[in-house]
């Protein structure tokens, strides 16, 4: 796995974690921000052929 792929997957995992935390704490604004970031990261992964194991809800 190259550095780009590893970094992208790490960012996705971190953002998923941040999104979960925002939802658990009831921070709707932060949850929306994290969802948008996660969408962008998934789009970037798809554009570069990076398979992402977990998907967000």
PDB file of N, CA and C in Angstrom:
ATOM      1  N   UNK A   1       0.858  -1.175   0.000  1.00  0.00           N
ATOM      2  CA  UNK A   1       0.000   0.000   0.000  1.00  0.00           C
ATOM      3  C   UNK A   1       0.902   1.235   0.000  1.00  0.00           C
ATOM      4  N   UNK A   2       0.617   2.146  -0.909  1.00  0.00           N
ATOM      5  CA  UNK A   2       1.436   3.358  -0.991  1.00  0.00           C
ATOM      6  C   UNK A   2       1.011   4.378   0.066  1.00  0.00           C
ATOM      7  N   UNK A   3       1.812   5.404   0.215  1.00  0.00           N
ATOM      8  CA  UNK A   3       1.575   6.415   1.251  1.00  0.00           C
ATOM      9  C   UNK A   3       0.257   7.158   1.025  1.00  0.00           C
ATOM     10  N   UNK A   4      -0.087   7.437  -0.227  1.00  0.00           N
ATOM     11  CA  UNK A   4      -1.343   8.128  -0.525  1.00  0.00           C
ATOM     12  C   UNK A   4      -2.532   7.311  -0.035  1.00  0.00           C
ATOM     13  N   UNK A   5      -2.549   6.037  -0.395  1.00  0.00           N
ATOM     14  CA  UNK A   5      -3.652   5.153  -0.010  1.00  0.00           C
ATOM     15  C   UNK A   5      -3.739   5.021   1.503  1.00  0.00           C
ATOM     16  N   UNK A   6      -2.608   4.785   2.135  1.00  0.00           N
ATOM     17  CA  UNK A   6      -2.585   4.637   3.591  1.00  0.00           C
ATOM     18  C   UNK A   6      -3.070   5.913   4.275  1.00  0.00           C
ATOM     19  N   UNK A   7      -2.620   7.053   3.804  1.00  0.00           N
ATOM     20  CA  UNK A   7      -3.037   8.323   4.386  1.00  0.00           C
ATOM     21  C   UNK A   7      -4.514   8.586   4.189  1.00  0.00           C
ATOM     22  N   UNK A   8      -5.007   8.276   3.008  1.00  0.00           N
ATOM     23  CA  UNK A   8      -6.430   8.476   2.720  1.00  0.00           C
ATOM     24  C   UNK A   8      -7.302   7.587   3.602  1.00  0.00           C
ATOM     25  N   UNK A   9      -6.923   6.328   3.727  1.00  0.00           N
ATOM     26  CA  UNK A   9      -7.695   5.408   4.561  1.00  0.00           C
ATOM     27  C   UNK A   9      -7.647   5.835   6.030  1.00  0.00           C
ATOM     28  N   UNK A  10      -6.511   6.350   6.472  1.00  0.00           N
ATOM     29  CA  UNK A  10      -6.395   6.827   7.850  1.00  0.00           C
ATOM     30  C   UNK A  10      -7.301   8.040   8.070  1.00  0.00           C
ATOM     31  N   UNK A  11      -7.328   8.941   7.098  1.00  0.00           N
ATOM     32  CA  UNK A  11      -8.201  10.119   7.206  1.00  0.00           C
ATOM     33  C   UNK A  11      -9.669   9.711   7.238  1.00  0.00           C
ATOM     34  N   UNK A  12     -10.029   8.709   6.444  1.00  0.00           N
ATOM     35  CA  UNK A  12     -11.410   8.219   6.441  1.00  0.00           C
ATOM     36  C   UNK A  12     -11.764   7.641   7.807  1.00  0.00           C
ATOM     37  N   UNK A  13     -10.886   6.810   8.365  1.00  0.00           N
ATOM     38  CA  UNK A  13     -11.155   6.227   9.691  1.00  0.00           C
ATOM     39  C   UNK A  13     -11.290   7.318  10.748  1.00  0.00           C
ATOM     40  N   UNK A  14     -10.413   8.302  10.718  1.00  0.00           N
ATOM     41  CA  UNK A  14     -10.464   9.390  11.702  1.00  0.00           C
ATOM     42  C   UNK A  14     -11.754  10.193  11.560  1.00  0.00           C
ATOM     43  N   UNK A  15     -12.151  10.458  10.325  1.00  0.00           N
ATOM     44  CA  UNK A  15     -13.372  11.228  10.089  1.00  0.00           C
ATOM     45  C   UNK A  15     -14.598  10.438  10.512  1.00  0.00           C
ATOM     46  N   UNK A  16     -14.612   9.127  10.249  1.00  0.00           N
ATOM     47  CA  UNK A  16     -15.723   8.288  10.711  1.00  0.00           C
ATOM     48  C   UNK A  16     -15.824   8.321  12.233  1.00  0.00           C
ATOM     49  N   UNK A  17     -14.684   8.279  12.901  1.00  0.00           N
ATOM     50  CA  UNK A  17     -14.666   8.348  14.358  1.00  0.00           C
ATOM     51  C   UNK A  17     -15.188   9.697  14.851  1.00  0.00           C
ATOM     52  N   UNK A  18     -14.734  10.772  14.217  1.00  0.00           N
ATOM     53  CA  UNK A  18     -15.185  12.110  14.582  1.00  0.00           C
ATOM     54  C   UNK A  18     -16.687  12.266  14.343  1.00  0.00           C
ATOM     55  N   UNK A  19     -17.189  11.685  13.269  1.00  0.00           N
ATOM     56  CA  UNK A  19     -18.616  11.745  12.963  1.00  0.00           C
ATOM     57  C   UNK A  19     -19.420  11.002  14.032  1.00  0.00           C
ATOM     58  N   UNK A  20     -18.960   9.837  14.402  1.00  0.00           N
ATOM     59  CA  UNK A  20     -19.635   9.067  15.448  1.00  0.00           C
ATOM     60  C   UNK A  20     -19.688   9.867  16.746  1.00  0.00           C
ATOM     61  N   UNK A  21     -18.567  10.464  17.105  1.00  0.00           N
ATOM     62  CA  UNK A  21     -18.512  11.259  18.335  1.00  0.00           C
ATOM     63  C   UNK A  21     -19.474  12.449  18.258  1.00  0.00           C
ATOM     64  N   UNK A  22     -19.502  13.131  17.125  1.00  0.00           N
ATOM     65  CA  UNK A  22     -20.398  14.284  16.968  1.00  0.00           C
ATOM     66  C   UNK A  22     -21.852  13.855  17.115  1.00  0.00           C
ATOM     67  N   UNK A  23     -22.195  12.733  16.523  1.00  0.00           N
ATOM     68  CA  UNK A  23     -23.574  12.236  16.636  1.00  0.00           C
ATOM     69  C   UNK A  23     -23.907  11.851  18.071  1.00  0.00           C
ATOM     70  N   UNK A  24     -22.966  11.174  18.741  1.00  0.00           N
ATOM     71  CA  UNK A  24     -23.192  10.734  20.119  1.00  0.00           C
ATOM     72  C   UNK A  24     -23.365  11.906  21.073  1.00  0.00           C
ATOM     73  N   UNK A  25     -22.699  13.012  20.790  1.00  0.00           N
ATOM     74  CA  UNK A  25     -22.770  14.171  21.680  1.00  0.00           C
ATOM     75  C   UNK A  25     -23.862  15.152  21.254  1.00  0.00           C
ATOM     76  N   UNK A  26     -24.554  14.837  20.163  1.00  0.00           N
ATOM     77  CA  UNK A  26     -25.645  15.685  19.714  1.00  0.00           C
ATOM     78  C   UNK A  26     -25.211  16.969  19.030  1.00  0.00           C
ATOM     79  N   UNK A  27     -23.969  16.993  18.543  1.00  0.00           N
ATOM     80  CA  UNK A  27     -23.455  18.185  17.851  1.00  0.00           C
ATOM     81  C   UNK A  27     -23.829  18.090  16.369  1.00  0.00           C
ATOM     82  N   UNK A  28     -25.017  18.584  16.045  1.00  0.00           N
ATOM     83  CA  UNK A  28     -25.543  18.457  14.686  1.00  0.00           C
ATOM     84  C   UNK A  28     -24.689  19.194  13.656  1.00  0.00           C
ATOM     85  N   UNK A  29     -24.191  20.368  14.011  1.00  0.00           N
ATOM     86  CA  UNK A  29     -23.367  21.121  13.066  1.00  0.00           C
ATOM     87  C   UNK A  29     -22.091  20.357  12.748  1.00  0.00           C
ATOM     88  N   UNK A  30     -21.396  19.882  13.783  1.00  0.00           N
ATOM     89  CA  UNK A  30     -20.159  19.134  13.557  1.00  0.00           C
ATOM     90  C   UNK A  30     -20.438  17.852  12.778  1.00  0.00           C
ATOM     91  N   UNK A  31     -21.549  17.210  13.059  1.00  0.00           N
ATOM     92  CA  UNK A  31     -21.906  15.991  12.324  1.00  0.00           C
ATOM     93  C   UNK A  31     -22.062  16.298  10.836  1.00  0.00           C
ATOM     94  N   UNK A  32     -22.699  17.420  10.510  1.00  0.00           N
ATOM     95  CA  UNK A  32     -22.845  17.797   9.096  1.00  0.00           C
ATOM     96  C   UNK A  32     -21.496  18.069   8.451  1.00  0.00           C
ATOM     97  N   UNK A  33     -20.621  18.728   9.176  1.00  0.00           N
ATOM     98  CA  UNK A  33     -19.272  19.011   8.660  1.00  0.00           C
ATOM     99  C   UNK A  33     -18.527  17.704   8.411  1.00  0.00           C
ATOM    100  N   UNK A  34     -18.580  16.792   9.370  1.00  0.00           N
ATOM    101  CA  UNK A  34     -17.875  15.517   9.235  1.00  0.00           C
ATOM    102  C   UNK A  34     -18.470  14.674   8.113  1.00  0.00           C
ATOM    103  N   UNK A  35     -19.802  14.709   7.945  1.00  0.00           N
ATOM    104  CA  UNK A  35     -20.428  13.976   6.843  1.00  0.00           C
ATOM    105  C   UNK A  35     -19.952  14.500   5.497  1.00  0.00           C
ATOM    106  N   UNK A  36     -19.859  15.811   5.366  1.00  0.00           N
ATOM    107  CA  UNK A  36     -19.384  16.404   4.113  1.00  0.00           C
ATOM    108  C   UNK A  36     -17.931  16.017   3.858  1.00  0.00           C
ATOM    109  N   UNK A  37     -17.121  16.046   4.898  1.00  0.00           N
ATOM    110  CA  UNK A  37     -15.707  15.649   4.763  1.00  0.00           C
ATOM    111  C   UNK A  37     -15.606  14.187   4.354  1.00  0.00           C
ATOM    112  N   UNK A  38     -16.414  13.345   4.969  1.00  0.00           N
ATOM    113  CA  UNK A  38     -16.396  11.924   4.648  1.00  0.00           C
ATOM    114  C   UNK A  38     -16.845  11.678   3.213  1.00  0.00           C
ATOM    115  N   UNK A  39     -17.859  12.395   2.772  1.00  0.00           N
ATOM    116  CA  UNK A  39     -18.289  12.287   1.373  1.00  0.00           C
ATOM    117  C   UNK A  39     -17.152  12.656   0.429  1.00  0.00           C
ATOM    118  N   UNK A  40     -16.448  13.750   0.735  1.00  0.00           N
ATOM    119  CA  UNK A  40     -15.320  14.171  -0.103  1.00  0.00           C
ATOM    120  C   UNK A  40     -14.213  13.117  -0.121  1.00  0.00           C
ATOM    121  N   UNK A  41     -13.913  12.547   1.038  1.00  0.00           N
ATOM    122  CA  UNK A  41     -12.860  11.529   1.110  1.00  0.00           C
ATOM    123  C   UNK A  41     -13.251  10.271   0.342  1.00  0.00           C
ATOM    124  N   UNK A  42     -14.515   9.876   0.429  1.00  0.00           N
ATOM    125  CA  UNK A  42     -14.977   8.706  -0.323  1.00  0.00           C
ATOM    126  C   UNK A  42     -14.932   8.979  -1.829  1.00  0.00           C
ATOM    127  N   UNK A  43     -15.269  10.193  -2.211  1.00  0.00           N
ATOM    128  CA  UNK A  43     -15.205  10.555  -3.626  1.00  0.00           C
ATOM    129  C   UNK A  43     -13.760  10.516  -4.116  1.00  0.00           C
ATOM    130  N   UNK A  44     -12.849  11.051  -3.324  1.00  0.00           N
ATOM    131  CA  UNK A  44     -11.430  11.038  -3.666  1.00  0.00           C
ATOM    132  C   UNK A  44     -10.918   9.599  -3.779  1.00  0.00           C
ATOM    133  N   UNK A  45     -11.329   8.759  -2.847  1.00  0.00           N
ATOM    134  CA  UNK A  45     -10.919   7.354  -2.894  1.00  0.00           C
ATOM    135  C   UNK A  45     -11.417   6.697  -4.181  1.00  0.00           C
ATOM    136  N   UNK A  46     -12.665   6.936  -4.530  1.00  0.00           N
ATOM    137  CA  UNK A  46     -13.231   6.343  -5.744  1.00  0.00           C
ATOM    138  C   UNK A  46     -12.495   6.833  -6.993  1.00  0.00           C
ATOM    139  N   UNK A  47     -12.162   8.106  -7.024  1.00  0.00           N
ATOM    140  CA  UNK A  47     -11.463   8.665  -8.180  1.00  0.00           C
ATOM    141  C   UNK A  47     -10.080   8.043  -8.378  1.00  0.00           C
ATOM    142  N   UNK A  48      -9.496   7.551  -7.285  1.00  0.00           N
ATOM    143  CA  UNK A  48      -8.146   6.986  -7.351  1.00  0.00           C
ATOM    144  C   UNK A  48      -8.143   5.468  -7.207  1.00  0.00           C
ATOM    145  N   UNK A  49      -9.321   4.870  -7.263  1.00  0.00           N
ATOM    146  CA  UNK A  49      -9.412   3.406  -7.222  1.00  0.00           C
ATOM    147  C   UNK A  49      -9.065   2.806  -5.877  1.00  0.00           C
ATOM    148  N   UNK A  50      -9.242   3.569  -4.816  1.00  0.00           N
ATOM    149  CA  UNK A  50      -8.960   3.065  -3.473  1.00  0.00           C
ATOM    150  C   UNK A  50     -10.238   2.468  -2.906  1.00  0.00           C
ATOM    151  N   UNK A  51     -10.187   1.195  -2.549  1.00  0.00           N
ATOM    152  CA  UNK A  51     -11.362   0.541  -1.975  1.00  0.00           C
ATOM    153  C   UNK A  51     -11.425   0.851  -0.488  1.00  0.00           C
ATOM    154  N   UNK A  52     -12.597   1.270  -0.057  1.00  0.00           N
ATOM    155  CA  UNK A  52     -12.820   1.612   1.343  1.00  0.00           C
ATOM    156  C   UNK A  52     -13.722   0.536   1.926  1.00  0.00           C
ATOM    157  N   UNK A  53     -13.261  -0.129   2.986  1.00  0.00           N
ATOM    158  CA  UNK A  53     -14.015  -1.230   3.572  1.00  0.00           C
ATOM    159  C   UNK A  53     -15.307  -0.801   4.223  1.00  0.00           C
ATOM    160  N   UNK A  54     -15.249   0.202   5.074  1.00  0.00           N
ATOM    161  CA  UNK A  54     -16.441   0.628   5.817  1.00  0.00           C
ATOM    162  C   UNK A  54     -17.116   1.775   5.087  1.00  0.00           C
ATOM    163  N   UNK A  55     -18.417   1.794   5.159  1.00  0.00           N
ATOM    164  CA  UNK A  55     -19.175   2.917   4.606  1.00  0.00           C
ATOM    165  C   UNK A  55     -19.887   3.606   5.744  1.00  0.00           C
ATOM    166  N   UNK A  56     -20.182   4.855   5.557  1.00  0.00           N
ATOM    167  CA  UNK A  56     -20.887   5.599   6.602  1.00  0.00           C
ATOM    168  C   UNK A  56     -22.383   5.566   6.346  1.00  0.00           C
ATOM    169  N   UNK A  57     -23.111   5.809   7.393  1.00  0.00           N
ATOM    170  CA  UNK A  57     -24.572   5.792   7.293  1.00  0.00           C
ATOM    171  C   UNK A  57     -25.103   7.162   6.977  1.00  0.00           C
TER     172      UNK A  57
END
